[in-house]
């Protein structure tokens, strides 16, 4: 149930993908590889470098360089969608379609 729960300064994983999720016996998901994780500074959420696997990065992060916990939630949603569809995100969607949806929301 943890993604960013109960952290006074949230930990941003920055690389949630199928390669960094472990599945335990009772179908509980566990995040692994915290090499790119950082504490989110609540006073400044702009970062100068992006650390994420292609296809999993939140488009608002790619467009604005503004980091929130929602960036990890987006990446986890991509993983969930890949599992349900049986395809990698690059195969399932045209980037231009996703791009248009995100740009209309901002």
PDB file of N, CA and C in Angstrom:
ATOM      1  N   UNK A   1       0.821  -1.195   0.000  1.00  0.00           N
ATOM      2  CA  UNK A   1       0.000   0.000   0.000  1.00  0.00           C
ATOM      3  C   UNK A   1       0.864   1.257   0.000  1.00  0.00           C
ATOM      4  N   UNK A   2       2.166   1.112   0.154  1.00  0.00           N
ATOM      5  CA  UNK A   2       3.038   2.284   0.222  1.00  0.00           C
ATOM      6  C   UNK A   2       3.504   2.705  -1.159  1.00  0.00           C
ATOM      7  N   UNK A   3       3.366   3.959  -1.459  1.00  0.00           N
ATOM      8  CA  UNK A   3       4.085   4.539  -2.583  1.00  0.00           C
ATOM      9  C   UNK A   3       4.749   5.812  -2.089  1.00  0.00           C
ATOM     10  N   UNK A   4       3.958   6.665  -1.446  1.00  0.00           N
ATOM     11  CA  UNK A   4       4.510   7.884  -0.853  1.00  0.00           C
ATOM     12  C   UNK A   4       3.881   8.132   0.516  1.00  0.00           C
ATOM     13  N   UNK A   5       3.344   7.114   1.119  1.00  0.00           N
ATOM     14  CA  UNK A   5       2.582   7.232   2.355  1.00  0.00           C
ATOM     15  C   UNK A   5       3.485   7.465   3.565  1.00  0.00           C
ATOM     16  N   UNK A   6       3.058   8.371   4.441  1.00  0.00           N
ATOM     17  CA  UNK A   6       3.718   8.639   5.726  1.00  0.00           C
ATOM     18  C   UNK A   6       5.159   9.125   5.612  1.00  0.00           C
ATOM     19  N   UNK A   7       5.467   9.896   4.610  1.00  0.00           N
ATOM     20  CA  UNK A   7       6.797  10.495   4.492  1.00  0.00           C
ATOM     21  C   UNK A   7       6.651  12.003   4.615  1.00  0.00           C
ATOM     22  N   UNK A   8       7.345  12.595   5.583  1.00  0.00           N
ATOM     23  CA  UNK A   8       7.264  14.053   5.719  1.00  0.00           C
ATOM     24  C   UNK A   8       7.896  14.730   4.515  1.00  0.00           C
ATOM     25  N   UNK A   9       8.995  14.217   4.037  1.00  0.00           N
ATOM     26  CA  UNK A   9       9.563  14.607   2.745  1.00  0.00           C
ATOM     27  C   UNK A   9       9.447  13.380   1.857  1.00  0.00           C
ATOM     28  N   UNK A  10       8.517  13.399   0.916  1.00  0.00           N
ATOM     29  CA  UNK A  10       8.284  12.194   0.108  1.00  0.00           C
ATOM     30  C   UNK A  10       9.533  11.733  -0.633  1.00  0.00           C
ATOM     31  N   UNK A  11       9.668  10.424  -0.738  1.00  0.00           N
ATOM     32  CA  UNK A  11      10.743   9.827  -1.521  1.00  0.00           C
ATOM     33  C   UNK A  11      10.199   9.613  -2.929  1.00  0.00           C
ATOM     34  N   UNK A  12      10.878  10.188  -3.905  1.00  0.00           N
ATOM     35  CA  UNK A  12      10.487  10.014  -5.298  1.00  0.00           C
ATOM     36  C   UNK A  12      11.395   8.942  -5.890  1.00  0.00           C
ATOM     37  N   UNK A  13      10.815   7.847  -6.349  1.00  0.00           N
ATOM     38  CA  UNK A  13      11.586   6.721  -6.866  1.00  0.00           C
ATOM     39  C   UNK A  13      12.284   7.081  -8.172  1.00  0.00           C
ATOM     40  N   UNK A  14      11.586   7.698  -9.083  1.00  0.00           N
ATOM     41  CA  UNK A  14      12.076   8.217 -10.363  1.00  0.00           C
ATOM     42  C   UNK A  14      12.345   7.164 -11.428  1.00  0.00           C
ATOM     43  N   UNK A  15      12.153   5.891 -11.140  1.00  0.00           N
ATOM     44  CA  UNK A  15      12.370   4.880 -12.178  1.00  0.00           C
ATOM     45  C   UNK A  15      11.492   3.658 -11.946  1.00  0.00           C
ATOM     46  N   UNK A  16      10.194   3.890 -11.799  1.00  0.00           N
ATOM     47  CA  UNK A  16       9.270   2.773 -11.638  1.00  0.00           C
ATOM     48  C   UNK A  16       8.981   2.200 -13.022  1.00  0.00           C
ATOM     49  N   UNK A  17       9.328   0.936 -13.191  1.00  0.00           N
ATOM     50  CA  UNK A  17       9.092   0.235 -14.456  1.00  0.00           C
ATOM     51  C   UNK A  17       8.960  -1.254 -14.138  1.00  0.00           C
ATOM     52  N   UNK A  18       8.616  -2.038 -15.135  1.00  0.00           N
ATOM     53  CA  UNK A  18       8.511  -3.487 -14.917  1.00  0.00           C
ATOM     54  C   UNK A  18       9.810  -4.077 -14.396  1.00  0.00           C
ATOM     55  N   UNK A  19      10.928  -3.493 -14.772  1.00  0.00           N
ATOM     56  CA  UNK A  19      12.230  -4.007 -14.333  1.00  0.00           C
ATOM     57  C   UNK A  19      12.494  -3.769 -12.858  1.00  0.00           C
ATOM     58  N   UNK A  20      11.766  -2.847 -12.231  1.00  0.00           N
ATOM     59  CA  UNK A  20      12.039  -2.470 -10.844  1.00  0.00           C
ATOM     60  C   UNK A  20      10.899  -2.815  -9.894  1.00  0.00           C
ATOM     61  N   UNK A  21      10.079  -3.775 -10.270  1.00  0.00           N
ATOM     62  CA  UNK A  21       8.980  -4.211  -9.410  1.00  0.00           C
ATOM     63  C   UNK A  21       9.104  -5.712  -9.190  1.00  0.00           C
ATOM     64  N   UNK A  22       9.035  -6.118  -7.937  1.00  0.00           N
ATOM     65  CA  UNK A  22       9.098  -7.531  -7.567  1.00  0.00           C
ATOM     66  C   UNK A  22       7.709  -7.987  -7.140  1.00  0.00           C
ATOM     67  N   UNK A  23       7.362  -9.220  -7.439  1.00  0.00           N
ATOM     68  CA  UNK A  23       6.070  -9.784  -7.068  1.00  0.00           C
ATOM     69  C   UNK A  23       6.306 -10.872  -6.034  1.00  0.00           C
ATOM     70  N   UNK A  24       5.685 -10.709  -4.859  1.00  0.00           N
ATOM     71  CA  UNK A  24       5.832 -11.694  -3.790  1.00  0.00           C
ATOM     72  C   UNK A  24       4.742 -12.750  -3.889  1.00  0.00           C
ATOM     73  N   UNK A  25       4.851 -13.768  -3.041  1.00  0.00           N
ATOM     74  CA  UNK A  25       3.967 -14.921  -3.067  1.00  0.00           C
ATOM     75  C   UNK A  25       2.487 -14.617  -2.996  1.00  0.00           C
ATOM     76  N   UNK A  26       2.090 -13.637  -2.231  1.00  0.00           N
ATOM     77  CA  UNK A  26       0.678 -13.282  -2.094  1.00  0.00           C
ATOM     78  C   UNK A  26       0.291 -12.169  -3.062  1.00  0.00           C
ATOM     79  N   UNK A  27       1.010 -12.075  -4.156  1.00  0.00           N
ATOM     80  CA  UNK A  27       0.779 -11.058  -5.187  1.00  0.00           C
ATOM     81  C   UNK A  27       0.911  -9.633  -4.660  1.00  0.00           C
ATOM     82  N   UNK A  28       1.828  -9.443  -3.721  1.00  0.00           N
ATOM     83  CA  UNK A  28       2.146  -8.104  -3.234  1.00  0.00           C
ATOM     84  C   UNK A  28       3.317  -7.578  -4.044  1.00  0.00           C
ATOM     85  N   UNK A  29       3.160  -6.357  -4.529  1.00  0.00           N
ATOM     86  CA  UNK A  29       4.224  -5.735  -5.315  1.00  0.00           C
ATOM     87  C   UNK A  29       5.194  -5.015  -4.401  1.00  0.00           C
ATOM     88  N   UNK A  30       6.466  -5.101  -4.726  1.00  0.00           N
ATOM     89  CA  UNK A  30       7.526  -4.408  -3.983  1.00  0.00           C
ATOM     90  C   UNK A  30       8.392  -3.650  -4.973  1.00  0.00           C
ATOM     91  N   UNK A  31       8.660  -2.396  -4.662  1.00  0.00           N
ATOM     92  CA  UNK A  31       9.580  -1.618  -5.489  1.00  0.00           C
ATOM     93  C   UNK A  31      11.002  -2.032  -5.169  1.00  0.00           C
ATOM     94  N   UNK A  32      11.838  -2.067  -6.183  1.00  0.00           N
ATOM     95  CA  UNK A  32      13.253  -2.355  -5.985  1.00  0.00           C
ATOM     96  C   UNK A  32      14.065  -1.285  -6.695  1.00  0.00           C
ATOM     97  N   UNK A  33      15.356  -1.377  -6.575  1.00  0.00           N
ATOM     98  CA  UNK A  33      16.310  -0.446  -7.160  1.00  0.00           C
ATOM     99  C   UNK A  33      15.974   1.010  -6.818  1.00  0.00           C
ATOM    100  N   UNK A  34      16.565   1.463  -5.741  1.00  0.00           N
ATOM    101  CA  UNK A  34      16.367   2.844  -5.305  1.00  0.00           C
ATOM    102  C   UNK A  34      17.582   3.715  -5.619  1.00  0.00           C
ATOM    103  N   UNK A  35      18.372   3.313  -6.610  1.00  0.00           N
ATOM    104  CA  UNK A  35      19.567   4.069  -6.974  1.00  0.00           C
ATOM    105  C   UNK A  35      19.281   5.461  -7.507  1.00  0.00           C
ATOM    106  N   UNK A  36      18.103   5.668  -8.079  1.00  0.00           N
ATOM    107  CA  UNK A  36      17.747   6.989  -8.605  1.00  0.00           C
ATOM    108  C   UNK A  36      16.801   7.744  -7.684  1.00  0.00           C
ATOM    109  N   UNK A  37      16.405   7.131  -6.570  1.00  0.00           N
ATOM    110  CA  UNK A  37      15.443   7.761  -5.658  1.00  0.00           C
ATOM    111  C   UNK A  37      16.044   8.993  -4.990  1.00  0.00           C
ATOM    112  N   UNK A  38      15.178   9.973  -4.743  1.00  0.00           N
ATOM    113  CA  UNK A  38      15.580  11.215  -4.080  1.00  0.00           C
ATOM    114  C   UNK A  38      14.463  11.664  -3.157  1.00  0.00           C
ATOM    115  N   UNK A  39      14.840  12.396  -2.114  1.00  0.00           N
ATOM    116  CA  UNK A  39      13.842  13.049  -1.276  1.00  0.00           C
ATOM    117  C   UNK A  39      13.316  14.256  -2.033  1.00  0.00           C
ATOM    118  N   UNK A  40      12.007  14.447  -2.016  1.00  0.00           N
ATOM    119  CA  UNK A  40      11.404  15.593  -2.679  1.00  0.00           C
ATOM    120  C   UNK A  40      11.502  16.789  -1.756  1.00  0.00           C
ATOM    121  N   UNK A  41      12.181  17.817  -2.192  1.00  0.00           N
ATOM    122  CA  UNK A  41      12.270  19.063  -1.439  1.00  0.00           C
ATOM    123  C   UNK A  41      10.975  19.818  -1.673  1.00  0.00           C
ATOM    124  N   UNK A  42      10.167  19.971  -0.628  1.00  0.00           N
ATOM    125  CA  UNK A  42       8.855  20.588  -0.780  1.00  0.00           C
ATOM    126  C   UNK A  42       8.940  22.061  -1.160  1.00  0.00           C
ATOM    127  N   UNK A  43      10.088  22.698  -0.924  1.00  0.00           N
ATOM    128  CA  UNK A  43      10.255  24.106  -1.280  1.00  0.00           C
ATOM    129  C   UNK A  43      10.679  24.295  -2.732  1.00  0.00           C
ATOM    130  N   UNK A  44      11.213  23.273  -3.335  1.00  0.00           N
ATOM    131  CA  UNK A  44      11.679  23.377  -4.719  1.00  0.00           C
ATOM    132  C   UNK A  44      11.453  22.042  -5.402  1.00  0.00           C
ATOM    133  N   UNK A  45      10.580  22.025  -6.370  1.00  0.00           N
ATOM    134  CA  UNK A  45      10.265  20.757  -7.027  1.00  0.00           C
ATOM    135  C   UNK A  45      10.760  20.711  -8.466  1.00  0.00           C
ATOM    136  N   UNK A  46      11.623  21.635  -8.861  1.00  0.00           N
ATOM    137  CA  UNK A  46      12.201  21.602 -10.204  1.00  0.00           C
ATOM    138  C   UNK A  46      13.555  20.896 -10.145  1.00  0.00           C
ATOM    139  N   UNK A  47      13.757  19.920 -11.011  1.00  0.00           N
ATOM    140  CA  UNK A  47      15.017  19.207 -11.076  1.00  0.00           C
ATOM    141  C   UNK A  47      15.648  19.433 -12.435  1.00  0.00           C
ATOM    142  N   UNK A  48      16.936  19.302 -12.470  1.00  0.00           N
ATOM    143  CA  UNK A  48      17.641  19.560 -13.726  1.00  0.00           C
ATOM    144  C   UNK A  48      17.939  18.286 -14.506  1.00  0.00           C
ATOM    145  N   UNK A  49      17.791  17.131 -13.873  1.00  0.00           N
ATOM    146  CA  UNK A  49      18.013  15.873 -14.588  1.00  0.00           C
ATOM    147  C   UNK A  49      16.815  14.957 -14.416  1.00  0.00           C
ATOM    148  N   UNK A  50      16.558  14.179 -15.424  1.00  0.00           N
ATOM    149  CA  UNK A  50      15.462  13.216 -15.388  1.00  0.00           C
ATOM    150  C   UNK A  50      16.071  11.827 -15.277  1.00  0.00           C
ATOM    151  N   UNK A  51      15.547  11.035 -14.356  1.00  0.00           N
ATOM    152  CA  UNK A  51      16.003   9.651 -14.214  1.00  0.00           C
ATOM    153  C   UNK A  51      14.772   8.763 -14.298  1.00  0.00           C
ATOM    154  N   UNK A  52      14.511   8.235 -15.456  1.00  0.00           N
ATOM    155  CA  UNK A  52      13.357   7.375 -15.641  1.00  0.00           C
ATOM    156  C   UNK A  52      13.565   6.547 -16.898  1.00  0.00           C
ATOM    157  N   UNK A  53      12.936   5.406 -16.930  1.00  0.00           N
ATOM    158  CA  UNK A  53      13.018   4.563 -18.117  1.00  0.00           C
ATOM    159  C   UNK A  53      12.084   5.097 -19.194  1.00  0.00           C
ATOM    160  N   UNK A  54      12.515   4.985 -20.439  1.00  0.00           N
ATOM    161  CA  UNK A  54      11.707   5.445 -21.561  1.00  0.00           C
ATOM    162  C   UNK A  54      10.356   4.740 -21.547  1.00  0.00           C
ATOM    163  N   UNK A  55       9.307   5.499 -21.722  1.00  0.00           N
ATOM    164  CA  UNK A  55       7.963   4.940 -21.753  1.00  0.00           C
ATOM    165  C   UNK A  55       7.252   5.002 -20.415  1.00  0.00           C
ATOM    166  N   UNK A  56       7.972   5.286 -19.342  1.00  0.00           N
ATOM    167  CA  UNK A  56       7.378   5.316 -18.010  1.00  0.00           C
ATOM    168  C   UNK A  56       7.366   6.713 -17.402  1.00  0.00           C
ATOM    169  N   UNK A  57       8.002   7.664 -18.031  1.00  0.00           N
ATOM    170  CA  UNK A  57       8.120   9.002 -17.467  1.00  0.00           C
ATOM    171  C   UNK A  57       6.805   9.761 -17.642  1.00  0.00           C
ATOM    172  N   UNK A  58       6.391  10.434 -16.592  1.00  0.00           N
ATOM    173  CA  UNK A  58       5.191  11.266 -16.665  1.00  0.00           C
ATOM    174  C   UNK A  58       5.452  12.395 -17.656  1.00  0.00           C
ATOM    175  N   UNK A  59       4.535  12.577 -18.575  1.00  0.00           N
ATOM    176  CA  UNK A  59       4.763  13.568 -19.623  1.00  0.00           C
ATOM    177  C   UNK A  59       4.842  14.982 -19.074  1.00  0.00           C
ATOM    178  N   UNK A  60       4.099  15.273 -17.998  1.00  0.00           N
ATOM    179  CA  UNK A  60       4.200  16.617 -17.425  1.00  0.00           C
ATOM    180  C   UNK A  60       5.601  16.867 -16.865  1.00  0.00           C
ATOM    181  N   UNK A  61       6.265  15.822 -16.385  1.00  0.00           N
ATOM    182  CA  UNK A  61       7.649  15.964 -15.932  1.00  0.00           C
ATOM    183  C   UNK A  61       8.568  16.230 -17.124  1.00  0.00           C
ATOM    184  N   UNK A  62       8.370  15.491 -18.190  1.00  0.00           N
ATOM    185  CA  UNK A  62       9.201  15.682 -19.377  1.00  0.00           C
ATOM    186  C   UNK A  62       9.024  17.076 -19.967  1.00  0.00           C
ATOM    187  N   UNK A  63       7.816  17.613 -19.874  1.00  0.00           N
ATOM    188  CA  UNK A  63       7.539  18.924 -20.467  1.00  0.00           C
ATOM    189  C   UNK A  63       7.941  20.085 -19.572  1.00  0.00           C
ATOM    190  N   UNK A  64       7.804  19.916 -18.245  1.00  0.00           N
ATOM    191  CA  UNK A  64       7.993  21.057 -17.334  1.00  0.00           C
ATOM    192  C   UNK A  64       9.172  20.916 -16.388  1.00  0.00           C
ATOM    193  N   UNK A  65       9.712  19.697 -16.255  1.00  0.00           N
ATOM    194  CA  UNK A  65      10.772  19.398 -15.278  1.00  0.00           C
ATOM    195  C   UNK A  65      10.292  19.616 -13.843  1.00  0.00           C
ATOM    196  N   UNK A  66       8.989  19.665 -13.617  1.00  0.00           N
ATOM    197  CA  UNK A  66       8.424  19.834 -12.281  1.00  0.00           C
ATOM    198  C   UNK A  66       8.100  18.451 -11.715  1.00  0.00           C
ATOM    199  N   UNK A  67       8.658  18.157 -10.559  1.00  0.00           N
ATOM    200  CA  UNK A  67       8.541  16.833  -9.949  1.00  0.00           C
ATOM    201  C   UNK A  67       7.522  16.853  -8.820  1.00  0.00           C
ATOM    202  N   UNK A  68       6.620  15.878  -8.847  1.00  0.00           N
ATOM    203  CA  UNK A  68       5.685  15.657  -7.746  1.00  0.00           C
ATOM    204  C   UNK A  68       5.595  14.149  -7.526  1.00  0.00           C
ATOM    205  N   UNK A  69       4.927  13.760  -6.463  1.00  0.00           N
ATOM    206  CA  UNK A  69       4.719  12.332  -6.221  1.00  0.00           C
ATOM    207  C   UNK A  69       3.859  11.720  -7.325  1.00  0.00           C
ATOM    208  N   UNK A  70       3.093  12.548  -8.016  1.00  0.00           N
ATOM    209  CA  UNK A  70       2.241  12.049  -9.098  1.00  0.00           C
ATOM    210  C   UNK A  70       3.060  11.470 -10.248  1.00  0.00           C
ATOM    211  N   UNK A  71       4.307  11.883 -10.369  1.00  0.00           N
ATOM    212  CA  UNK A  71       5.172  11.334 -11.426  1.00  0.00           C
ATOM    213  C   UNK A  71       5.380   9.835 -11.221  1.00  0.00           C
ATOM    214  N   UNK A  72       5.611   9.413  -9.980  1.00  0.00           N
ATOM    215  CA  UNK A  72       5.756   7.986  -9.681  1.00  0.00           C
ATOM    216  C   UNK A  72       4.429   7.257  -9.868  1.00  0.00           C
ATOM    217  N   UNK A  73       3.329   7.900  -9.493  1.00  0.00           N
ATOM    218  CA  UNK A  73       2.012   7.284  -9.650  1.00  0.00           C
ATOM    219  C   UNK A  73       1.729   7.042 -11.133  1.00  0.00           C
ATOM    220  N   UNK A  74       2.083   8.000 -11.982  1.00  0.00           N
ATOM    221  CA  UNK A  74       1.922   7.834 -13.427  1.00  0.00           C
ATOM    222  C   UNK A  74       2.713   6.616 -13.900  1.00  0.00           C
ATOM    223  N   UNK A  75       3.970   6.530 -13.493  1.00  0.00           N
ATOM    224  CA  UNK A  75       4.822   5.413 -13.912  1.00  0.00           C
ATOM    225  C   UNK A  75       4.247   4.079 -13.460  1.00  0.00           C
ATOM    226  N   UNK A  76       3.730   4.035 -12.234  1.00  0.00           N
ATOM    227  CA  UNK A  76       3.125   2.805 -11.728  1.00  0.00           C
ATOM    228  C   UNK A  76       1.871   2.462 -12.534  1.00  0.00           C
ATOM    229  N   UNK A  77       1.116   3.476 -12.932  1.00  0.00           N
ATOM    230  CA  UNK A  77      -0.059   3.254 -13.776  1.00  0.00           C
ATOM    231  C   UNK A  77       0.310   2.658 -15.122  1.00  0.00           C
ATOM    232  N   UNK A  78       1.426   3.094 -15.686  1.00  0.00           N
ATOM    233  CA  UNK A  78       1.908   2.531 -16.951  1.00  0.00           C
ATOM    234  C   UNK A  78       2.231   1.052 -16.759  1.00  0.00           C
ATOM    235  N   UNK A  79       2.871   0.722 -15.643  1.00  0.00           N
ATOM    236  CA  UNK A  79       3.190  -0.683 -15.344  1.00  0.00           C
ATOM    237  C   UNK A  79       1.904  -1.497 -15.238  1.00  0.00           C
ATOM    238  N   UNK A  80       0.916  -0.985 -14.515  1.00  0.00           N
ATOM    239  CA  UNK A  80      -0.356  -1.699 -14.361  1.00  0.00           C
ATOM    240  C   UNK A  80      -1.022  -1.916 -15.719  1.00  0.00           C
ATOM    241  N   UNK A  81      -0.991  -0.898 -16.558  1.00  0.00           N
ATOM    242  CA  UNK A  81      -1.574  -1.005 -17.894  1.00  0.00           C
ATOM    243  C   UNK A  81      -0.840  -2.040 -18.744  1.00  0.00           C
ATOM    244  N   UNK A  82       0.475  -2.068 -18.641  1.00  0.00           N
ATOM    245  CA  UNK A  82       1.259  -3.063 -19.383  1.00  0.00           C
ATOM    246  C   UNK A  82       0.892  -4.480 -18.955  1.00  0.00           C
ATOM    247  N   UNK A  83       0.726  -4.675 -17.659  1.00  0.00           N
ATOM    248  CA  UNK A  83       0.373  -6.004 -17.146  1.00  0.00           C
ATOM    249  C   UNK A  83      -0.994  -6.422 -17.667  1.00  0.00           C
ATOM    250  N   UNK A  84      -1.953  -5.497 -17.636  1.00  0.00           N
ATOM    251  CA  UNK A  84      -3.310  -5.820 -18.085  1.00  0.00           C
ATOM    252  C   UNK A  84      -3.379  -6.066 -19.593  1.00  0.00           C
ATOM    253  N   UNK A  85      -2.602  -5.301 -20.368  1.00  0.00           N
ATOM    254  CA  UNK A  85      -2.658  -5.415 -21.828  1.00  0.00           C
ATOM    255  C   UNK A  85      -1.698  -6.458 -22.386  1.00  0.00           C
ATOM    256  N   UNK A  86      -0.706  -6.848 -21.588  1.00  0.00           N
ATOM    257  CA  UNK A  86       0.282  -7.802 -22.061  1.00  0.00           C
ATOM    258  C   UNK A  86       1.229  -7.223 -23.093  1.00  0.00           C
ATOM    259  N   UNK A  87       1.370  -5.901 -23.091  1.00  0.00           N
ATOM    260  CA  UNK A  87       2.268  -5.217 -24.026  1.00  0.00           C
ATOM    261  C   UNK A  87       3.053  -4.161 -23.280  1.00  0.00           C
ATOM    262  N   UNK A  88       4.231  -3.830 -23.806  1.00  0.00           N
ATOM    263  CA  UNK A  88       4.975  -2.713 -23.246  1.00  0.00           C
ATOM    264  C   UNK A  88       4.318  -1.419 -23.689  1.00  0.00           C
ATOM    265  N   UNK A  89       4.497  -0.370 -22.897  1.00  0.00           N
ATOM    266  CA  UNK A  89       3.840   0.904 -23.188  1.00  0.00           C
ATOM    267  C   UNK A  89       4.200   1.422 -24.577  1.00  0.00           C
ATOM    268  N   UNK A  90       5.413   1.199 -25.013  1.00  0.00           N
ATOM    269  CA  UNK A  90       5.835   1.674 -26.345  1.00  0.00           C
ATOM    270  C   UNK A  90       5.040   0.996 -27.451  1.00  0.00           C
ATOM    271  N   UNK A  91       4.631  -0.254 -27.207  1.00  0.00           N
ATOM    272  CA  UNK A  91       3.871  -0.995 -28.209  1.00  0.00           C
ATOM    273  C   UNK A  91       2.392  -0.651 -28.169  1.00  0.00           C
ATOM    274  N   UNK A  92       1.895  -0.276 -27.005  1.00  0.00           N
ATOM    275  CA  UNK A  92       0.458  -0.116 -26.811  1.00  0.00           C
ATOM    276  C   UNK A  92      -0.070   1.244 -27.238  1.00  0.00           C
ATOM    277  N   UNK A  93       0.753   2.268 -27.185  1.00  0.00           N
ATOM    278  CA  UNK A  93       0.268   3.620 -27.424  1.00  0.00           C
ATOM    279  C   UNK A  93       1.141   4.358 -28.417  1.00  0.00           C
ATOM    280  N   UNK A  94       0.517   5.226 -29.149  1.00  0.00           N
ATOM    281  CA  UNK A  94       1.273   6.159 -29.965  1.00  0.00           C
ATOM    282  C   UNK A  94       1.583   7.357 -29.083  1.00  0.00           C
ATOM    283  N   UNK A  95       2.829   7.758 -29.030  1.00  0.00           N
ATOM    284  CA  UNK A  95       3.248   8.859 -28.174  1.00  0.00           C
ATOM    285  C   UNK A  95       2.483  10.134 -28.482  1.00  0.00           C
ATOM    286  N   UNK A  96       2.173  10.384 -29.729  1.00  0.00           N
ATOM    287  CA  UNK A  96       1.472  11.617 -30.089  1.00  0.00           C
ATOM    288  C   UNK A  96       0.082  11.671 -29.468  1.00  0.00           C
ATOM    289  N   UNK A  97      -0.598  10.534 -29.351  1.00  0.00           N
ATOM    290  CA  UNK A  97      -1.927  10.496 -28.741  1.00  0.00           C
ATOM    291  C   UNK A  97      -1.831  10.835 -27.263  1.00  0.00           C
ATOM    292  N   UNK A  98      -0.896  10.219 -26.554  1.00  0.00           N
ATOM    293  CA  UNK A  98      -0.715  10.495 -25.129  1.00  0.00           C
ATOM    294  C   UNK A  98      -0.305  11.944 -24.929  1.00  0.00           C
ATOM    295  N   UNK A  99       0.593  12.426 -25.746  1.00  0.00           N
ATOM    296  CA  UNK A  99       1.064  13.803 -25.659  1.00  0.00           C
ATOM    297  C   UNK A  99      -0.099  14.780 -25.763  1.00  0.00           C
ATOM    298  N   UNK A 100      -1.006  14.560 -26.711  1.00  0.00           N
ATOM    299  CA  UNK A 100      -2.157  15.442 -26.885  1.00  0.00           C
ATOM    300  C   UNK A 100      -3.068  15.432 -25.674  1.00  0.00           C
ATOM    301  N   UNK A 101      -3.259  14.283 -25.063  1.00  0.00           N
ATOM    302  CA  UNK A 101      -4.103  14.188 -23.873  1.00  0.00           C
ATOM    303  C   UNK A 101      -3.500  14.990 -22.733  1.00  0.00           C
ATOM    304  N   UNK A 102      -2.213  14.830 -22.484  1.00  0.00           N
ATOM    305  CA  UNK A 102      -1.552  15.524 -21.378  1.00  0.00           C
ATOM    306  C   UNK A 102      -1.534  17.025 -21.613  1.00  0.00           C
ATOM    307  N   UNK A 103      -1.222  17.458 -22.813  1.00  0.00           N
ATOM    308  CA  UNK A 103      -1.150  18.893 -23.101  1.00  0.00           C
ATOM    309  C   UNK A 103      -2.513  19.547 -22.915  1.00  0.00           C
ATOM    310  N   UNK A 104      -3.590  18.878 -23.265  1.00  0.00           N
ATOM    311  CA  UNK A 104      -4.934  19.433 -23.091  1.00  0.00           C
ATOM    312  C   UNK A 104      -5.287  19.588 -21.620  1.00  0.00           C
ATOM    313  N   UNK A 105      -4.715  18.757 -20.756  1.00  0.00           N
ATOM    314  CA  UNK A 105      -5.017  18.809 -19.325  1.00  0.00           C
ATOM    315  C   UNK A 105      -4.280  19.934 -18.621  1.00  0.00           C
ATOM    316  N   UNK A 106      -3.237  20.481 -19.210  1.00  0.00           N
ATOM    317  CA  UNK A 106      -2.424  21.512 -18.543  1.00  0.00           C
ATOM    318  C   UNK A 106      -2.624  22.853 -19.134  1.00  0.00           C
TER     319      UNK A 106
END
